[in-house]
Amino acid sequence: MRIAATIFLTDRTIGPVRLARELEQRGFAGLYLPEHTHIPVSRATPYPAGEPLPEEYGRMLDPFVALATAVAVTERLEVGTAITLVAQRDPIVLAKEIATLDHVSGGRFTLGVGFGWNVEEAADHGVSDWRRRRELVRDRMAVMRALWSDEPVAHAGEFASVQASHAYPKPAGGRVRTLVGGMAGPKVFSHVTDYADGWMPIGGGGLGEALPKLRRAWEEAGRGPEGPVVVPTAVSPAPGKIARFRDLGIEEIIVQLPHAGTGEVLRTLDDYAQYL
């Protein structure tokens, strides 16, 4: 079982350089970071996990800047987002950022794709039709795949387009591992089978029922015998839980670290080391 870690890195927590070094030295597989650009004070959208909204949501470091510092001070540690709010980002700029990070890291980057929950935050980024944000994300992913192609490829979509263009660097190996986040269901699974390598569920509950449906959708989409990869994130580890993941055929999980300073985070890593 490969075990990576995720954390709400903020201006009040352990820094990305120290954390990345500690993770690699201990033998963890990777570091995954979430994203929120800002939290409007109006807060009309309820927090899905229940109120109040934790203060770290409005203090997050930019994941791509933080992960770039992490790969600069490590050699093997994989990095990724859990998740990137693709609907809130310019796909041409995002494609460049991802390809650059994957290139300079030697292919260590995984893109976690998310659709978001905060309507006000997305509206400030120009997401005007909240109900169609998933199709917006699908279109922007197509733009990025066009820019990552070996040869110039155009994409003309309802929500995003790009001319056939020269765009370098390319991701290492020509592609970026992509995992789609979100709750189990036909909508999310259609994104997984359309353009991703797998699924990134939160916590890992209900996988016994969800995985057969995902695998059936994968086969029906003609994606072949390999995959889909399933990487649960924000997991609170326990021996029985990890054994259950293993029995389900899951080979990688992302454990949740506390939003805390250096001392508490390192003590948590020491505790989690028993699972490596």
Protein backbone atom coordinates (compact mmCIF):
# COMPACT_ATOMS: atom_id res chain seq x y z
CA MET A 1 0.00 0.00 0.00
CA ARG A 2 1.39 3.37 -1.08
CA ILE A 3 0.55 6.06 1.48
CA ALA A 4 0.63 9.75 0.62
CA ALA A 5 -0.54 12.68 2.73
CA THR A 6 -2.75 15.73 2.35
CA ILE A 7 -3.00 18.86 4.47
CA PHE A 8 -4.56 22.31 4.47
CA LEU A 9 -1.29 24.21 4.16
CA THR A 10 -1.74 27.82 5.26
CA ASP A 11 0.30 30.76 6.51
CA ARG A 12 -0.09 29.30 10.02
CA THR A 13 0.96 25.68 9.47
CA ILE A 14 4.14 23.76 8.84
CA GLY A 15 5.73 24.97 5.60
CA PRO A 16 5.80 22.97 2.36
CA VAL A 17 9.61 22.65 2.30
CA ARG A 18 9.89 21.14 5.78
CA LEU A 19 6.86 18.92 5.22
CA ALA A 20 8.07 17.60 1.87
CA ARG A 21 11.48 16.71 3.29
CA GLU A 22 9.93 14.97 6.30
CA LEU A 23 7.53 12.97 4.13
CA GLU A 24 10.28 11.76 1.82
CA GLN A 25 12.65 10.88 4.67
CA ARG A 26 9.93 8.82 6.36
CA GLY A 27 9.00 6.95 3.19
CA PHE A 28 5.62 8.46 2.38
CA ALA A 29 4.69 8.30 -1.30
CA GLY A 30 3.49 11.82 -1.92
CA LEU A 31 2.02 15.17 -0.89
CA TYR A 32 -1.39 16.32 -2.14
CA LEU A 33 -2.80 19.81 -1.56
CA PRO A 34 -6.34 21.22 -1.83
CA GLU A 35 -7.40 24.53 -3.33
CA HIS A 36 -9.62 27.48 -2.51
CA THR A 37 -8.65 30.89 -3.86
CA HIS A 38 -10.83 32.86 -1.44
CA ILE A 39 -13.99 32.50 0.65
CA PRO A 40 -16.55 35.29 0.14
CA VAL A 41 -17.79 36.64 3.45
CA SER A 42 -21.42 36.36 2.34
CA ARG A 43 -21.27 32.56 2.82
CA ALA A 44 -24.62 31.84 1.20
CA THR A 45 -23.47 28.32 0.32
CA PRO A 46 -23.54 25.88 3.26
CA TYR A 47 -20.32 24.02 4.03
CA PRO A 48 -20.99 20.38 3.03
CA ALA A 49 -19.39 18.95 6.16
CA GLY A 50 -21.51 21.13 8.44
CA GLU A 51 -21.04 24.58 9.88
CA PRO A 52 -18.96 26.41 10.91
CA LEU A 53 -16.56 26.56 7.99
CA PRO A 54 -13.00 25.92 9.26
CA GLU A 55 -10.89 29.06 9.07
CA GLU A 56 -8.17 27.33 7.04
CA TYR A 57 -10.41 27.37 3.95
CA GLY A 58 -9.73 31.08 3.58
CA ARG A 59 -5.99 30.83 4.30
CA MET A 60 -4.74 28.12 1.91
CA LEU A 61 -1.46 28.47 0.08
CA ASP A 62 -1.66 28.24 -3.68
CA PRO A 63 -1.16 24.52 -4.32
CA PHE A 64 1.01 24.85 -7.42
CA VAL A 65 3.43 27.30 -5.82
CA ALA A 66 3.65 25.18 -2.68
CA LEU A 67 4.13 21.94 -4.63
CA ALA A 68 6.85 23.53 -6.76
CA THR A 69 8.81 24.24 -3.59
CA ALA A 70 8.20 20.64 -2.47
CA VAL A 71 9.61 19.07 -5.64
CA ALA A 72 12.62 21.40 -5.52
CA VAL A 73 13.78 19.93 -2.20
CA THR A 74 12.94 16.26 -2.83
CA GLU A 75 13.94 13.59 -5.33
CA ARG A 76 11.27 10.88 -5.11
CA LEU A 77 8.24 12.42 -3.40
CA GLU A 78 5.24 12.55 -5.71
CA VAL A 79 3.02 15.62 -5.59
CA GLY A 80 -0.53 16.36 -6.59
CA THR A 81 -3.71 18.31 -5.99
CA ALA A 82 -6.65 17.02 -4.02
CA ILE A 83 -8.20 18.82 -5.70
CA THR A 84 -7.83 21.58 -8.35
CA LEU A 85 -10.96 23.65 -8.96
CA VAL A 86 -10.69 23.51 -12.75
CA ALA A 87 -13.86 25.54 -13.34
CA GLN A 88 -12.21 28.48 -11.58
CA ARG A 89 -9.01 28.48 -13.62
CA ASP A 90 -8.06 29.59 -17.12
CA PRO A 91 -7.39 26.25 -18.85
CA ILE A 92 -4.54 27.53 -21.05
CA VAL A 93 -2.66 28.97 -18.07
CA LEU A 94 -3.45 25.90 -15.98
CA ALA A 95 -2.18 23.59 -18.72
CA LYS A 96 1.11 25.50 -18.71
CA GLU A 97 1.41 25.37 -14.91
CA ILE A 98 0.70 21.64 -14.77
CA ALA A 99 3.02 20.76 -17.64
CA THR A 100 5.80 22.88 -16.15
CA LEU A 101 5.46 21.33 -12.69
CA ASP A 102 5.35 17.82 -14.12
CA HIS A 103 8.35 18.57 -16.34
CA VAL A 104 10.58 20.03 -13.64
CA SER A 105 9.63 17.26 -11.19
CA GLY A 106 10.40 14.47 -13.65
CA GLY A 107 6.81 13.27 -13.93
CA ARG A 108 5.88 13.33 -10.25
CA PHE A 109 2.62 15.30 -10.54
CA THR A 110 -0.97 14.01 -10.28
CA LEU A 111 -3.89 16.27 -11.14
CA GLY A 112 -6.92 15.86 -8.90
CA VAL A 113 -9.94 17.37 -10.66
CA GLY A 114 -12.75 18.84 -8.57
CA PHE A 115 -16.02 20.59 -9.33
CA GLY A 116 -16.32 22.70 -6.18
CA TRP A 117 -19.06 23.39 -3.65
CA ASN A 118 -18.85 27.14 -2.98
CA VAL A 119 -21.16 28.92 -5.42
CA GLU A 120 -20.00 32.43 -4.40
CA GLU A 121 -16.32 31.59 -4.85
CA ALA A 122 -16.95 30.15 -8.31
CA ALA A 123 -19.12 33.11 -9.32
CA ASP A 124 -16.23 35.48 -8.69
CA HIS A 125 -14.28 33.43 -11.24
CA GLY A 126 -17.02 33.83 -13.84
CA VAL A 127 -18.82 30.52 -13.29
CA SER A 128 -22.30 31.86 -14.02
CA ASP A 129 -24.24 28.60 -14.48
CA TRP A 130 -23.48 26.52 -11.40
CA ARG A 131 -25.55 23.55 -12.58
CA ARG A 132 -23.38 23.15 -15.67
CA ARG A 133 -20.00 23.52 -14.00
CA ARG A 134 -19.16 19.85 -14.63
CA GLU A 135 -19.55 20.34 -18.38
CA LEU A 136 -17.43 23.48 -18.10
CA VAL A 137 -14.73 21.36 -16.45
CA ARG A 138 -15.00 18.70 -19.15
CA ASP A 139 -14.46 21.34 -21.84
CA ARG A 140 -11.49 22.88 -20.05
CA MET A 141 -9.91 19.47 -19.58
CA ALA A 142 -10.23 18.97 -23.35
CA VAL A 143 -8.40 22.26 -23.92
CA MET A 144 -5.57 21.16 -21.65
CA ARG A 145 -5.28 17.76 -23.32
CA ALA A 146 -5.07 19.50 -26.69
CA LEU A 147 -2.20 21.68 -25.46
CA TRP A 148 -0.39 18.65 -24.02
CA SER A 149 -0.62 16.72 -27.31
CA ASP A 150 2.57 15.89 -29.21
CA GLU A 151 1.28 17.70 -32.30
CA PRO A 152 -0.72 20.97 -32.38
CA VAL A 153 -4.40 20.13 -31.85
CA ALA A 154 -7.38 22.49 -31.71
CA HIS A 155 -10.41 22.19 -29.48
CA ALA A 156 -13.63 24.11 -30.03
CA GLY A 157 -16.11 23.65 -27.20
CA GLU A 158 -19.16 25.35 -25.78
CA PHE A 159 -17.26 26.64 -22.75
CA ALA A 160 -13.62 26.71 -23.83
CA SER A 161 -11.62 26.65 -27.03
CA VAL A 162 -8.04 26.78 -28.18
CA GLN A 163 -6.42 27.00 -31.59
CA ALA A 164 -3.89 24.39 -32.69
CA SER A 165 -0.84 25.74 -30.89
CA HIS A 166 2.78 25.18 -30.00
CA ALA A 167 2.80 24.69 -26.23
CA TYR A 168 5.87 23.54 -24.34
CA PRO A 169 7.04 22.06 -22.08
CA LYS A 170 4.99 18.92 -22.38
CA PRO A 171 4.24 16.83 -19.31
CA ALA A 172 6.93 14.26 -18.59
CA GLY A 173 6.07 11.10 -20.48
CA GLY A 174 3.55 13.02 -22.57
CA ARG A 175 0.67 12.87 -20.08
CA VAL A 176 -0.39 13.76 -16.54
CA ARG A 177 -2.02 11.22 -14.24
CA THR A 178 -5.52 12.56 -13.64
CA LEU A 179 -7.98 11.57 -10.91
CA VAL A 180 -11.51 12.95 -10.64
CA GLY A 181 -12.85 13.80 -7.21
CA GLY A 182 -16.46 13.79 -6.11
CA MET A 183 -19.19 11.59 -4.73
CA ALA A 184 -19.93 8.27 -6.39
CA GLY A 185 -22.50 8.47 -9.15
CA PRO A 186 -23.04 8.44 -12.92
CA LYS A 187 -22.02 12.10 -13.41
CA VAL A 188 -18.66 11.77 -11.70
CA PHE A 189 -18.00 8.34 -13.19
CA SER A 190 -18.67 9.71 -16.70
CA HIS A 191 -15.83 12.18 -16.15
CA VAL A 192 -13.55 9.43 -14.88
CA THR A 193 -14.18 7.28 -17.94
CA ASP A 194 -14.01 10.21 -20.38
CA TYR A 195 -10.62 11.78 -19.61
CA ALA A 196 -9.14 10.50 -16.35
CA ASP A 197 -7.08 7.62 -15.03
CA GLY A 198 -9.28 7.08 -12.02
CA TRP A 199 -11.29 8.35 -9.09
CA MET A 200 -10.33 10.22 -5.91
CA PRO A 201 -13.13 9.70 -3.35
CA ILE A 202 -13.07 11.49 0.00
CA GLY A 203 -12.61 9.24 3.02
CA GLY A 204 -13.32 5.93 1.36
CA GLY A 205 -16.75 5.15 2.79
CA GLY A 206 -19.14 3.11 0.63
CA LEU A 207 -16.45 1.87 -1.75
CA GLY A 208 -17.66 -1.72 -1.59
CA GLU A 209 -20.84 -0.65 -3.37
CA ALA A 210 -19.34 2.07 -5.59
CA LEU A 211 -16.31 0.29 -7.04
CA PRO A 212 -18.21 -2.37 -9.03
CA LYS A 213 -20.31 0.37 -10.63
CA LEU A 214 -17.22 2.41 -11.52
CA ARG A 215 -15.43 -0.61 -12.96
CA ARG A 216 -18.50 -1.53 -15.00
CA ALA A 217 -18.71 2.02 -16.38
CA TRP A 218 -14.99 1.84 -17.20
CA GLU A 219 -15.45 -1.38 -19.17
CA GLU A 220 -18.54 -0.08 -20.97
CA ALA A 221 -16.55 2.99 -22.03
CA GLY A 222 -13.97 0.70 -23.64
CA ARG A 223 -11.13 1.92 -21.45
CA GLY A 224 -9.41 -1.46 -21.33
CA PRO A 225 -8.31 -3.87 -18.60
CA GLU A 226 -5.97 -1.48 -16.80
CA GLY A 227 -7.77 0.76 -14.33
CA PRO A 228 -9.52 2.66 -13.11
CA VAL A 229 -7.11 3.73 -10.39
CA VAL A 230 -8.88 4.53 -7.12
CA VAL A 231 -7.06 6.71 -4.58
CA PRO A 232 -9.11 7.64 -1.49
CA THR A 233 -8.09 10.98 0.00
CA ALA A 234 -8.46 12.60 3.43
CA VAL A 235 -8.33 9.16 5.04
CA SER A 236 -8.01 8.78 8.82
CA PRO A 237 -5.92 5.60 8.89
CA ALA A 238 -6.59 2.54 11.04
CA PRO A 239 -5.36 -1.06 10.60
CA GLY A 240 -8.78 -2.44 9.77
CA LYS A 241 -9.54 0.36 7.31
CA ILE A 242 -6.30 -0.14 5.41
CA ALA A 243 -6.88 -3.90 5.27
CA ARG A 244 -10.34 -3.25 3.82
CA PHE A 245 -8.87 -0.96 1.15
CA ARG A 246 -6.35 -3.65 0.25
CA ASP A 247 -9.09 -6.26 -0.07
CA LEU A 248 -10.93 -3.94 -2.46
CA GLY A 249 -7.86 -3.79 -4.71
CA ILE A 250 -6.82 -0.27 -3.70
CA GLU A 251 -3.06 0.22 -3.78
CA GLU A 252 -2.74 3.88 -2.78
CA ILE A 253 -4.37 6.12 -0.18
CA ILE A 254 -3.90 9.72 0.95
CA VAL A 255 -4.03 10.24 4.72
CA GLN A 256 -5.20 13.47 6.31
CA LEU A 257 -2.73 15.54 8.32
CA PRO A 258 -3.93 18.13 10.83
CA HIS A 259 -4.02 21.83 10.01
CA ALA A 260 -1.30 22.57 12.52
CA GLY A 261 2.21 23.75 13.21
CA THR A 262 5.40 21.79 12.72
CA GLY A 263 5.41 19.91 16.02
CA GLU A 264 1.89 18.51 15.77
CA VAL A 265 2.26 17.56 12.11
CA LEU A 266 5.53 15.73 12.73
CA ARG A 267 4.02 13.84 15.67
CA THR A 268 1.16 12.77 13.40
CA LEU A 269 3.61 11.59 10.76
CA ASP A 270 5.43 9.55 13.40
CA ASP A 271 2.12 7.95 14.36
CA TYR A 272 1.16 7.23 10.75
CA ALA A 273 4.55 5.65 10.06
CA GLN A 274 3.22 2.39 11.52
CA TYR A 275 1.12 1.98 8.36
CA LEU A 276 3.94 2.37 5.86
